[in-house]
Amino acid sequence: MEILIIVILGAVLIYGFIDKRQKKRGKLDSDLETKETQKIEDSNADIVSYGQVQERKGQLNELIDANLGDHPEQSAQLKDIIEDWANLKVESFENRRSWVRSPKQKKEE
């Protein structure tokens, strides 16, 4: 009778350890998949530096001036939109690189 109890307890412990290990492995696999997906998205992102943004902004403003000189209100609106776009691009570039400059701050978030 005692051997049966020991065998049952041993089986329950082994099952518990195996089940816990499988759950941890499943979580690690899902975390790995999430990181890989994020890595692919980041590699496909259109990340440009400050100089590239300013250059493109200048090109667009010149294009607007050349083609919409007769419509100053629409021209001003487009320039505001381009300015906002440029600011967002620069901010996204800085945010993407911020973990390099301050890794502790990234971990705290």
N, C-alpha and C. Protein backbone atom coordinates (compact mmCIF):
# COMPACT_ATOMS: atom_id res chain seq x y z
N MET A 1 0.82 -1.19 0.00
CA MET A 1 0.00 0.00 0.00
C MET A 1 0.87 1.27 0.00
N GLU A 2 1.94 1.22 0.81
CA GLU A 2 2.83 2.38 0.88
C GLU A 2 3.52 2.62 -0.46
N ILE A 3 3.86 1.54 -1.14
CA ILE A 3 4.53 1.66 -2.44
C ILE A 3 3.58 2.31 -3.44
N LEU A 4 2.31 1.98 -3.41
CA LEU A 4 1.31 2.55 -4.30
C LEU A 4 1.19 4.06 -4.08
N ILE A 5 1.18 4.48 -2.82
CA ILE A 5 1.10 5.92 -2.49
C ILE A 5 2.35 6.64 -2.99
N ILE A 6 3.51 6.03 -2.80
CA ILE A 6 4.76 6.63 -3.25
C ILE A 6 4.77 6.74 -4.78
N VAL A 7 4.32 5.72 -5.47
CA VAL A 7 4.27 5.73 -6.93
C VAL A 7 3.30 6.82 -7.41
N ILE A 8 2.14 6.92 -6.78
CA ILE A 8 1.16 7.94 -7.17
C ILE A 8 1.72 9.34 -6.92
N LEU A 9 2.33 9.57 -5.76
CA LEU A 9 2.93 10.88 -5.47
C LEU A 9 4.05 11.19 -6.46
N GLY A 10 4.86 10.20 -6.77
CA GLY A 10 5.93 10.40 -7.75
C GLY A 10 5.37 10.75 -9.11
N ALA A 11 4.32 10.06 -9.53
CA ALA A 11 3.69 10.34 -10.83
C ALA A 11 3.11 11.75 -10.85
N VAL A 12 2.47 12.17 -9.76
CA VAL A 12 1.90 13.52 -9.68
C VAL A 12 3.01 14.57 -9.75
N LEU A 13 4.11 14.34 -9.04
CA LEU A 13 5.23 15.29 -9.08
C LEU A 13 5.84 15.36 -10.47
N ILE A 14 6.05 14.23 -11.09
CA ILE A 14 6.62 14.22 -12.44
C ILE A 14 5.69 14.94 -13.41
N TYR A 15 4.40 14.65 -13.32
CA TYR A 15 3.43 15.33 -14.19
C TYR A 15 3.46 16.84 -13.96
N GLY A 16 3.53 17.25 -12.69
CA GLY A 16 3.58 18.69 -12.36
C GLY A 16 4.80 19.37 -12.95
N PHE A 17 5.95 18.72 -12.83
CA PHE A 17 7.18 19.30 -13.38
C PHE A 17 7.12 19.40 -14.91
N ILE A 18 6.64 18.35 -15.54
CA ILE A 18 6.55 18.34 -17.00
C ILE A 18 5.57 19.41 -17.48
N ASP A 19 4.42 19.50 -16.83
CA ASP A 19 3.41 20.49 -17.22
C ASP A 19 3.94 21.92 -17.04
N LYS A 20 4.62 22.18 -15.94
CA LYS A 20 5.18 23.51 -15.69
C LYS A 20 6.24 23.85 -16.75
N ARG A 21 7.06 22.86 -17.10
CA ARG A 21 8.09 23.08 -18.11
C ARG A 21 7.46 23.38 -19.47
N GLN A 22 6.41 22.68 -19.82
CA GLN A 22 5.74 22.91 -21.10
C GLN A 22 5.11 24.30 -21.15
N LYS A 23 4.54 24.74 -20.04
CA LYS A 23 3.94 26.08 -20.00
C LYS A 23 5.02 27.15 -20.16
N LYS A 24 6.14 26.98 -19.49
CA LYS A 24 7.23 27.94 -19.62
C LYS A 24 7.76 27.95 -21.05
N ARG A 25 7.88 26.78 -21.65
CA ARG A 25 8.39 26.69 -23.02
C ARG A 25 7.42 27.37 -23.99
N GLY A 26 6.11 27.18 -23.76
CA GLY A 26 5.11 27.82 -24.60
C GLY A 26 5.20 29.34 -24.51
N LYS A 27 5.40 29.84 -23.29
CA LYS A 27 5.52 31.29 -23.11
C LYS A 27 6.78 31.81 -23.79
N LEU A 28 7.88 31.08 -23.65
CA LEU A 28 9.13 31.49 -24.30
C LEU A 28 8.98 31.50 -25.82
N ASP A 29 8.31 30.48 -26.35
CA ASP A 29 8.10 30.42 -27.80
C ASP A 29 7.25 31.60 -28.28
N SER A 30 6.20 31.93 -27.53
CA SER A 30 5.35 33.06 -27.95
C SER A 30 6.11 34.38 -27.83
N ASP A 31 6.93 34.53 -26.79
CA ASP A 31 7.74 35.74 -26.66
C ASP A 31 8.74 35.86 -27.80
N LEU A 32 9.36 34.73 -28.16
CA LEU A 32 10.31 34.72 -29.27
C LEU A 32 9.62 35.09 -30.58
N GLU A 33 8.43 34.55 -30.79
CA GLU A 33 7.68 34.87 -32.00
C GLU A 33 7.32 36.35 -32.05
N THR A 34 6.93 36.91 -30.92
CA THR A 34 6.60 38.33 -30.84
C THR A 34 7.82 39.19 -31.15
N LYS A 35 8.96 38.83 -30.61
CA LYS A 35 10.19 39.59 -30.87
C LYS A 35 10.60 39.49 -32.33
N GLU A 36 10.46 38.31 -32.91
CA GLU A 36 10.81 38.14 -34.32
C GLU A 36 9.88 38.99 -35.20
N THR A 37 8.60 39.00 -34.88
CA THR A 37 7.65 39.81 -35.63
C THR A 37 8.00 41.29 -35.53
N GLN A 38 8.33 41.74 -34.32
CA GLN A 38 8.71 43.14 -34.12
C GLN A 38 9.99 43.46 -34.88
N LYS A 39 10.93 42.54 -34.89
CA LYS A 39 12.18 42.74 -35.61
C LYS A 39 11.93 42.89 -37.11
N ILE A 40 11.06 42.06 -37.65
CA ILE A 40 10.72 42.14 -39.07
C ILE A 40 10.03 43.46 -39.38
N GLU A 41 9.10 43.87 -38.51
CA GLU A 41 8.41 45.15 -38.72
C GLU A 41 9.40 46.31 -38.67
N ASP A 42 10.33 46.27 -37.72
CA ASP A 42 11.32 47.34 -37.61
C ASP A 42 12.24 47.38 -38.83
N SER A 43 12.59 46.22 -39.34
CA SER A 43 13.48 46.20 -40.51
C SER A 43 12.77 46.73 -41.75
N ASN A 44 11.46 46.59 -41.81
CA ASN A 44 10.69 47.08 -42.96
C ASN A 44 10.26 48.54 -42.80
N ALA A 45 10.47 49.10 -41.63
CA ALA A 45 10.04 50.47 -41.37
C ALA A 45 10.90 51.46 -42.16
N ASP A 46 10.29 52.57 -42.49
CA ASP A 46 10.99 53.62 -43.23
C ASP A 46 11.57 54.60 -42.21
N ILE A 47 12.72 54.24 -41.66
CA ILE A 47 13.38 55.07 -40.65
C ILE A 47 14.47 55.86 -41.35
N VAL A 48 14.39 57.18 -41.18
CA VAL A 48 15.37 58.05 -41.82
C VAL A 48 15.97 58.98 -40.78
N SER A 49 17.15 59.48 -41.06
CA SER A 49 17.83 60.37 -40.13
C SER A 49 17.30 61.79 -40.26
N TYR A 50 17.75 62.65 -39.36
CA TYR A 50 17.33 64.04 -39.34
C TYR A 50 17.69 64.74 -40.66
N GLY A 51 18.90 64.50 -41.14
CA GLY A 51 19.34 65.14 -42.39
C GLY A 51 18.51 64.70 -43.58
N GLN A 52 18.17 63.42 -43.64
CA GLN A 52 17.35 62.92 -44.75
C GLN A 52 15.95 63.53 -44.71
N VAL A 53 15.41 63.67 -43.51
CA VAL A 53 14.07 64.27 -43.37
C VAL A 53 14.11 65.73 -43.81
N GLN A 54 15.13 66.46 -43.40
CA GLN A 54 15.22 67.87 -43.77
C GLN A 54 15.40 68.03 -45.28
N GLU A 55 16.16 67.14 -45.86
CA GLU A 55 16.37 67.19 -47.32
C GLU A 55 15.05 66.94 -48.05
N ARG A 56 14.33 65.92 -47.63
CA ARG A 56 13.04 65.60 -48.27
C ARG A 56 12.02 66.72 -48.04
N LYS A 57 12.04 67.30 -46.86
CA LYS A 57 11.14 68.41 -46.54
C LYS A 57 11.43 69.59 -47.47
N GLY A 58 12.70 69.89 -47.68
CA GLY A 58 13.07 70.98 -48.58
C GLY A 58 12.61 70.71 -50.01
N GLN A 59 12.78 69.47 -50.46
CA GLN A 59 12.33 69.12 -51.81
C GLN A 59 10.81 69.30 -51.95
N LEU A 60 10.08 68.84 -50.97
CA LEU A 60 8.62 68.97 -51.04
C LEU A 60 8.18 70.44 -51.00
N ASN A 61 8.83 71.24 -50.17
CA ASN A 61 8.48 72.66 -50.11
C ASN A 61 8.78 73.36 -51.44
N GLU A 62 9.89 73.01 -52.07
CA GLU A 62 10.21 73.58 -53.38
C GLU A 62 9.17 73.17 -54.42
N LEU A 63 8.74 71.94 -54.36
CA LEU A 63 7.72 71.44 -55.28
C LEU A 63 6.40 72.18 -55.08
N ILE A 64 6.06 72.42 -53.83
CA ILE A 64 4.82 73.16 -53.53
C ILE A 64 4.93 74.59 -54.05
N ASP A 65 6.06 75.23 -53.79
CA ASP A 65 6.24 76.61 -54.25
C ASP A 65 6.16 76.70 -55.77
N ALA A 66 6.72 75.71 -56.44
CA ALA A 66 6.74 75.73 -57.91
C ALA A 66 5.36 75.47 -58.51
N ASN A 67 4.58 74.62 -57.88
CA ASN A 67 3.31 74.21 -58.48
C ASN A 67 2.06 74.86 -57.88
N LEU A 68 2.17 75.36 -56.67
CA LEU A 68 0.99 75.95 -56.03
C LEU A 68 1.21 77.41 -55.65
N GLY A 69 1.99 78.12 -56.44
CA GLY A 69 2.24 79.53 -56.16
C GLY A 69 0.97 80.37 -56.25
N ASP A 70 0.01 79.93 -57.06
CA ASP A 70 -1.24 80.67 -57.22
C ASP A 70 -2.24 80.42 -56.10
N HIS A 71 -1.96 79.45 -55.23
CA HIS A 71 -2.88 79.08 -54.15
C HIS A 71 -2.14 79.15 -52.81
N PRO A 72 -1.99 80.34 -52.26
CA PRO A 72 -1.17 80.48 -51.05
C PRO A 72 -1.77 79.77 -49.82
N GLU A 73 -3.10 79.74 -49.72
CA GLU A 73 -3.72 79.10 -48.55
C GLU A 73 -3.47 77.59 -48.55
N GLN A 74 -3.70 76.95 -49.70
CA GLN A 74 -3.45 75.52 -49.80
C GLN A 74 -1.96 75.20 -49.66
N SER A 75 -1.15 76.08 -50.21
CA SER A 75 0.30 75.90 -50.10
C SER A 75 0.74 75.92 -48.63
N ALA A 76 0.21 76.86 -47.87
CA ALA A 76 0.55 76.96 -46.45
C ALA A 76 0.08 75.72 -45.69
N GLN A 77 -1.11 75.23 -46.02
CA GLN A 77 -1.63 74.03 -45.36
C GLN A 77 -0.73 72.82 -45.64
N LEU A 78 -0.34 72.67 -46.90
CA LEU A 78 0.54 71.56 -47.25
C LEU A 78 1.90 71.67 -46.55
N LYS A 79 2.41 72.88 -46.45
CA LYS A 79 3.69 73.07 -45.76
C LYS A 79 3.58 72.73 -44.28
N ASP A 80 2.43 73.07 -43.66
CA ASP A 80 2.21 72.70 -42.26
C ASP A 80 2.17 71.17 -42.10
N ILE A 81 1.49 70.53 -43.03
CA ILE A 81 1.41 69.06 -42.99
C ILE A 81 2.80 68.45 -43.15
N ILE A 82 3.58 68.99 -44.06
CA ILE A 82 4.94 68.49 -44.27
C ILE A 82 5.81 68.72 -43.04
N GLU A 83 5.64 69.85 -42.40
CA GLU A 83 6.40 70.15 -41.17
C GLU A 83 6.04 69.15 -40.07
N ASP A 84 4.75 68.86 -39.92
CA ASP A 84 4.32 67.87 -38.93
C ASP A 84 4.89 66.49 -39.25
N TRP A 85 4.85 66.12 -40.53
CA TRP A 85 5.40 64.84 -40.96
C TRP A 85 6.90 64.76 -40.63
N ALA A 86 7.61 65.84 -40.91
CA ALA A 86 9.06 65.86 -40.65
C ALA A 86 9.34 65.71 -39.16
N ASN A 87 8.56 66.39 -38.34
CA ASN A 87 8.75 66.27 -36.89
C ASN A 87 8.49 64.85 -36.41
N LEU A 88 7.44 64.21 -36.94
CA LEU A 88 7.14 62.83 -36.55
C LEU A 88 8.24 61.87 -36.99
N LYS A 89 8.76 62.06 -38.18
CA LYS A 89 9.84 61.19 -38.67
C LYS A 89 11.08 61.32 -37.79
N VAL A 90 11.44 62.55 -37.45
CA VAL A 90 12.62 62.77 -36.61
C VAL A 90 12.38 62.16 -35.23
N GLU A 91 11.19 62.35 -34.68
CA GLU A 91 10.87 61.80 -33.36
C GLU A 91 10.92 60.27 -33.38
N SER A 92 10.39 59.65 -34.44
CA SER A 92 10.43 58.19 -34.51
C SER A 92 11.86 57.69 -34.61
N PHE A 93 12.72 58.42 -35.32
CA PHE A 93 14.12 58.05 -35.41
C PHE A 93 14.79 58.14 -34.04
N GLU A 94 14.50 59.21 -33.31
CA GLU A 94 15.10 59.38 -31.98
C GLU A 94 14.57 58.34 -31.01
N ASN A 95 13.29 58.02 -31.07
CA ASN A 95 12.73 57.02 -30.17
C ASN A 95 13.27 55.63 -30.46
N ARG A 96 13.49 55.35 -31.72
CA ARG A 96 14.01 54.04 -32.10
C ARG A 96 15.43 53.87 -31.58
N ARG A 97 16.19 54.92 -31.54
CA ARG A 97 17.58 54.85 -31.10
C ARG A 97 17.74 55.13 -29.61
N SER A 98 16.68 55.50 -28.91
CA SER A 98 16.81 55.92 -27.51
C SER A 98 17.28 54.78 -26.61
N TRP A 99 16.94 53.53 -26.93
CA TRP A 99 17.37 52.43 -26.08
C TRP A 99 18.88 52.26 -26.09
N VAL A 100 19.54 52.72 -27.13
CA VAL A 100 21.00 52.63 -27.19
C VAL A 100 21.62 53.62 -26.22
N ARG A 101 21.03 54.80 -26.14
CA ARG A 101 21.59 55.84 -25.28
C ARG A 101 21.23 55.62 -23.81
N SER A 102 20.05 55.09 -23.53
CA SER A 102 19.63 54.92 -22.14
C SER A 102 18.86 53.62 -21.97
N PRO A 103 19.56 52.49 -21.89
CA PRO A 103 18.88 51.20 -21.81
C PRO A 103 18.08 51.03 -20.52
N LYS A 104 18.51 51.66 -19.42
CA LYS A 104 17.78 51.52 -18.16
C LYS A 104 16.40 52.15 -18.25
N GLN A 105 16.29 53.28 -18.92
CA GLN A 105 15.00 53.94 -19.07
C GLN A 105 14.04 53.06 -19.86
N LYS A 106 14.50 52.37 -20.87
CA LYS A 106 13.67 51.49 -21.69
C LYS A 106 13.14 50.34 -20.85
N LYS A 107 13.97 49.78 -19.98
CA LYS A 107 13.56 48.65 -19.15
C LYS A 107 12.51 49.06 -18.12
N GLU A 108 12.58 50.30 -17.63
CA GLU A 108 11.65 50.76 -16.62
C GLU A 108 10.26 50.95 -17.19
N GLU A 109 10.15 51.27 -18.45
CA GLU A 109 8.84 51.48 -19.07
C GLU A 109 8.15 50.17 -19.22
